[in-house]
Amino acid sequence: MGRFTVNVRLGARRQITLPRKVCEKLRVLPGDTLEVAIEDSALVLKPNRARALNALREIQEAFRRSGITEEELLEDSRKIRKELIKERY
């Protein structure tokens, strides 16, 4: 996304209002939750979905490294599910 800078004011109740442009760039809506971090002396806000997307990328990378395809994973899970059904019923 690159660097984008905007000034905001800290209110009396220690709250800030994110300008519309900031929300649009982050693709967040009222009610969404943000992760707040302090890195060195910088305040960093990230939409929580960014963490989920990073986790998904890590999972995808782990699968790529393992050499297991999605189809193989699905087929193995079908086999295991069938075995469990046989055992239980």
N, C-alpha and C. Protein backbone atom coordinates (compact mmCIF):
# COMPACT_ATOMS: atom_id res chain seq x y z
N MET A 1 0.82 -1.19 0.00
CA MET A 1 0.00 0.00 0.00
C MET A 1 0.86 1.25 0.00
N GLY A 2 2.05 1.18 0.54
CA GLY A 2 2.90 2.36 0.59
C GLY A 2 2.57 3.23 1.79
N ARG A 3 3.23 4.34 1.88
CA ARG A 3 3.04 5.24 3.01
C ARG A 3 1.92 6.23 2.73
N PHE A 4 1.08 6.42 3.72
CA PHE A 4 -0.02 7.38 3.65
C PHE A 4 -0.06 8.08 5.00
N THR A 5 -0.01 9.39 5.03
CA THR A 5 0.05 10.13 6.28
C THR A 5 -1.12 11.09 6.39
N VAL A 6 -1.69 11.16 7.59
CA VAL A 6 -2.78 12.08 7.87
C VAL A 6 -2.69 12.45 9.35
N ASN A 7 -3.06 13.67 9.68
CA ASN A 7 -3.06 14.10 11.08
C ASN A 7 -4.43 13.88 11.69
N VAL A 8 -4.44 13.36 12.93
CA VAL A 8 -5.68 13.20 13.69
C VAL A 8 -5.45 13.79 15.08
N ARG A 9 -6.52 14.13 15.75
CA ARG A 9 -6.44 14.73 17.08
C ARG A 9 -6.91 13.72 18.12
N LEU A 10 -6.17 13.63 19.21
CA LEU A 10 -6.56 12.79 20.34
C LEU A 10 -7.59 13.55 21.15
N GLY A 11 -8.78 12.98 21.30
CA GLY A 11 -9.86 13.64 22.01
C GLY A 11 -9.69 13.56 23.52
N ALA A 12 -10.60 14.21 24.22
CA ALA A 12 -10.55 14.28 25.69
C ALA A 12 -10.63 12.90 26.32
N ARG A 13 -11.32 11.97 25.68
CA ARG A 13 -11.44 10.61 26.21
C ARG A 13 -10.40 9.68 25.61
N ARG A 14 -9.29 10.25 25.10
CA ARG A 14 -8.18 9.51 24.49
C ARG A 14 -8.65 8.69 23.28
N GLN A 15 -9.56 9.23 22.52
CA GLN A 15 -10.05 8.57 21.32
C GLN A 15 -9.62 9.36 20.10
N ILE A 16 -9.45 8.63 18.99
CA ILE A 16 -9.20 9.29 17.71
C ILE A 16 -10.29 8.87 16.74
N THR A 17 -10.55 9.71 15.79
CA THR A 17 -11.47 9.39 14.71
C THR A 17 -10.64 9.20 13.45
N LEU A 18 -10.82 8.05 12.82
CA LEU A 18 -10.08 7.79 11.59
C LEU A 18 -10.80 8.46 10.42
N PRO A 19 -10.08 9.28 9.67
CA PRO A 19 -10.70 9.91 8.50
C PRO A 19 -11.18 8.87 7.48
N ARG A 20 -12.18 9.24 6.73
CA ARG A 20 -12.78 8.35 5.73
C ARG A 20 -11.71 7.76 4.80
N LYS A 21 -10.76 8.59 4.36
CA LYS A 21 -9.71 8.10 3.44
C LYS A 21 -8.89 6.98 4.07
N VAL A 22 -8.60 7.11 5.36
CA VAL A 22 -7.84 6.07 6.07
C VAL A 22 -8.66 4.78 6.09
N CYS A 23 -9.93 4.89 6.43
CA CYS A 23 -10.80 3.71 6.48
C CYS A 23 -10.92 3.05 5.11
N GLU A 24 -11.01 3.87 4.08
CA GLU A 24 -11.11 3.32 2.72
C GLU A 24 -9.84 2.57 2.35
N LYS A 25 -8.68 3.15 2.69
CA LYS A 25 -7.42 2.50 2.35
C LYS A 25 -7.25 1.19 3.12
N LEU A 26 -7.71 1.17 4.38
CA LEU A 26 -7.61 -0.05 5.20
C LEU A 26 -8.76 -1.02 4.93
N ARG A 27 -9.79 -0.53 4.21
CA ARG A 27 -11.00 -1.31 3.94
C ARG A 27 -11.67 -1.75 5.24
N VAL A 28 -11.83 -0.79 6.14
CA VAL A 28 -12.53 -1.06 7.39
C VAL A 28 -13.82 -0.25 7.45
N LEU A 29 -14.78 -0.79 8.19
CA LEU A 29 -16.08 -0.16 8.35
C LEU A 29 -16.34 0.08 9.83
N PRO A 30 -17.27 0.98 10.15
CA PRO A 30 -17.62 1.16 11.56
C PRO A 30 -18.00 -0.18 12.19
N GLY A 31 -17.46 -0.44 13.37
CA GLY A 31 -17.73 -1.71 14.05
C GLY A 31 -16.63 -2.74 13.86
N ASP A 32 -15.79 -2.58 12.84
CA ASP A 32 -14.67 -3.51 12.64
C ASP A 32 -13.67 -3.33 13.78
N THR A 33 -12.94 -4.37 14.09
CA THR A 33 -11.91 -4.27 15.11
C THR A 33 -10.55 -4.16 14.46
N LEU A 34 -9.67 -3.42 15.11
CA LEU A 34 -8.32 -3.20 14.63
C LEU A 34 -7.33 -3.66 15.68
N GLU A 35 -6.23 -4.22 15.24
CA GLU A 35 -5.13 -4.54 16.14
C GLU A 35 -4.28 -3.28 16.27
N VAL A 36 -3.98 -2.90 17.51
CA VAL A 36 -3.15 -1.72 17.76
C VAL A 36 -1.81 -2.20 18.31
N ALA A 37 -0.72 -1.78 17.68
CA ALA A 37 0.61 -2.17 18.12
C ALA A 37 1.49 -0.93 18.19
N ILE A 38 2.49 -1.02 19.05
CA ILE A 38 3.50 0.04 19.11
C ILE A 38 4.80 -0.59 18.65
N GLU A 39 5.35 -0.07 17.57
CA GLU A 39 6.62 -0.54 17.03
C GLU A 39 7.60 0.60 17.10
N ASP A 40 8.62 0.44 17.92
CA ASP A 40 9.54 1.53 18.25
C ASP A 40 8.70 2.68 18.80
N SER A 41 8.67 3.80 18.13
CA SER A 41 7.85 4.91 18.63
C SER A 41 6.65 5.16 17.72
N ALA A 42 6.29 4.16 16.90
CA ALA A 42 5.19 4.32 15.95
C ALA A 42 3.97 3.52 16.40
N LEU A 43 2.81 4.10 16.20
CA LEU A 43 1.55 3.43 16.44
C LEU A 43 1.12 2.77 15.15
N VAL A 44 0.84 1.48 15.19
CA VAL A 44 0.48 0.74 13.99
C VAL A 44 -0.91 0.14 14.18
N LEU A 45 -1.82 0.43 13.27
CA LEU A 45 -3.17 -0.13 13.29
C LEU A 45 -3.32 -1.09 12.13
N LYS A 46 -3.83 -2.29 12.43
CA LYS A 46 -4.07 -3.28 11.37
C LYS A 46 -5.46 -3.86 11.55
N PRO A 47 -6.22 -3.98 10.46
CA PRO A 47 -7.50 -4.68 10.56
C PRO A 47 -7.25 -6.11 11.01
N ASN A 48 -8.10 -6.64 11.87
CA ASN A 48 -7.91 -8.01 12.36
C ASN A 48 -7.90 -9.02 11.23
N ARG A 49 -8.60 -8.74 10.15
CA ARG A 49 -8.60 -9.70 9.04
C ARG A 49 -7.21 -9.82 8.43
N ALA A 50 -6.37 -8.80 8.60
CA ALA A 50 -5.01 -8.89 8.09
C ALA A 50 -4.26 -10.03 8.78
N ARG A 51 -4.51 -10.20 10.08
CA ARG A 51 -3.89 -11.32 10.79
C ARG A 51 -4.38 -12.65 10.24
N ALA A 52 -5.68 -12.72 9.96
CA ALA A 52 -6.24 -13.96 9.41
C ALA A 52 -5.67 -14.25 8.03
N LEU A 53 -5.53 -13.22 7.21
CA LEU A 53 -4.96 -13.42 5.87
C LEU A 53 -3.50 -13.84 5.95
N ASN A 54 -2.75 -13.26 6.88
CA ASN A 54 -1.36 -13.68 7.06
C ASN A 54 -1.28 -15.13 7.50
N ALA A 55 -2.17 -15.54 8.40
CA ALA A 55 -2.19 -16.93 8.84
C ALA A 55 -2.53 -17.85 7.67
N LEU A 56 -3.48 -17.44 6.84
CA LEU A 56 -3.84 -18.24 5.67
C LEU A 56 -2.66 -18.38 4.72
N ARG A 57 -1.93 -17.29 4.50
CA ARG A 57 -0.74 -17.36 3.64
C ARG A 57 0.30 -18.32 4.21
N GLU A 58 0.47 -18.30 5.53
CA GLU A 58 1.43 -19.21 6.16
C GLU A 58 0.99 -20.66 5.98
N ILE A 59 -0.31 -20.92 6.11
CA ILE A 59 -0.82 -22.29 5.91
C ILE A 59 -0.60 -22.71 4.46
N GLN A 60 -0.92 -21.82 3.52
CA GLN A 60 -0.72 -22.14 2.11
C GLN A 60 0.75 -22.42 1.82
N GLU A 61 1.64 -21.65 2.41
CA GLU A 61 3.07 -21.85 2.21
C GLU A 61 3.52 -23.18 2.80
N ALA A 62 2.99 -23.54 3.96
CA ALA A 62 3.32 -24.83 4.57
C ALA A 62 2.88 -25.98 3.67
N PHE A 63 1.68 -25.88 3.08
CA PHE A 63 1.22 -26.91 2.15
C PHE A 63 2.12 -26.98 0.92
N ARG A 64 2.50 -25.81 0.41
CA ARG A 64 3.36 -25.79 -0.78
C ARG A 64 4.69 -26.49 -0.48
N ARG A 65 5.26 -26.19 0.68
CA ARG A 65 6.54 -26.81 1.06
C ARG A 65 6.39 -28.32 1.27
N SER A 66 5.24 -28.75 1.78
CA SER A 66 5.04 -30.17 2.08
C SER A 66 4.85 -31.00 0.81
N GLY A 67 4.39 -30.37 -0.26
CA GLY A 67 4.14 -31.09 -1.49
C GLY A 67 2.76 -31.73 -1.54
N ILE A 68 1.96 -31.56 -0.49
CA ILE A 68 0.61 -32.12 -0.46
C ILE A 68 -0.31 -31.16 -1.21
N THR A 69 -1.11 -31.71 -2.11
CA THR A 69 -2.05 -30.87 -2.85
C THR A 69 -3.36 -30.79 -2.08
N GLU A 70 -4.16 -29.81 -2.42
CA GLU A 70 -5.47 -29.67 -1.79
C GLU A 70 -6.33 -30.90 -2.07
N GLU A 71 -6.24 -31.42 -3.28
CA GLU A 71 -7.02 -32.60 -3.65
C GLU A 71 -6.62 -33.80 -2.79
N GLU A 72 -5.32 -33.98 -2.57
CA GLU A 72 -4.85 -35.09 -1.73
C GLU A 72 -5.36 -34.94 -0.30
N LEU A 73 -5.32 -33.72 0.22
CA LEU A 73 -5.80 -33.46 1.57
C LEU A 73 -7.29 -33.78 1.68
N LEU A 74 -8.06 -33.32 0.69
CA LEU A 74 -9.50 -33.59 0.71
C LEU A 74 -9.80 -35.08 0.60
N GLU A 75 -9.09 -35.79 -0.26
CA GLU A 75 -9.30 -37.22 -0.41
C GLU A 75 -8.97 -37.97 0.88
N ASP A 76 -7.85 -37.61 1.50
CA ASP A 76 -7.48 -38.26 2.76
C ASP A 76 -8.50 -37.97 3.85
N SER A 77 -9.01 -36.75 3.90
CA SER A 77 -10.01 -36.42 4.93
C SER A 77 -11.31 -37.18 4.68
N ARG A 78 -11.67 -37.41 3.41
CA ARG A 78 -12.86 -38.21 3.10
C ARG A 78 -12.69 -39.65 3.58
N LYS A 79 -11.51 -40.21 3.35
CA LYS A 79 -11.23 -41.57 3.79
C LYS A 79 -11.31 -41.68 5.31
N ILE A 80 -10.72 -40.74 6.00
CA ILE A 80 -10.74 -40.75 7.47
C ILE A 80 -12.16 -40.61 7.98
N ARG A 81 -12.94 -39.71 7.37
CA ARG A 81 -14.33 -39.52 7.78
C ARG A 81 -15.13 -40.81 7.59
N LYS A 82 -14.93 -41.51 6.47
CA LYS A 82 -15.63 -42.78 6.23
C LYS A 82 -15.25 -43.81 7.28
N GLU A 83 -13.97 -43.89 7.63
CA GLU A 83 -13.51 -44.83 8.65
C GLU A 83 -14.14 -44.52 10.01
N LEU A 84 -14.20 -43.24 10.36
CA LEU A 84 -14.80 -42.85 11.63
C LEU A 84 -16.29 -43.20 11.67
N ILE A 85 -16.98 -42.98 10.55
CA ILE A 85 -18.42 -43.32 10.50
C ILE A 85 -18.60 -44.81 10.68
N LYS A 86 -17.77 -45.63 10.04
CA LYS A 86 -17.85 -47.09 10.18
C LYS A 86 -17.64 -47.52 11.62
N GLU A 87 -16.65 -46.89 12.28
CA GLU A 87 -16.34 -47.24 13.67
C GLU A 87 -17.49 -46.87 14.61
N ARG A 88 -18.10 -45.75 14.38
CA ARG A 88 -19.13 -45.24 15.30
C ARG A 88 -20.51 -45.84 15.05
N TYR A 89 -20.81 -46.19 13.80
CA TYR A 89 -22.17 -46.65 13.47
C TYR A 89 -22.10 -48.03 12.96
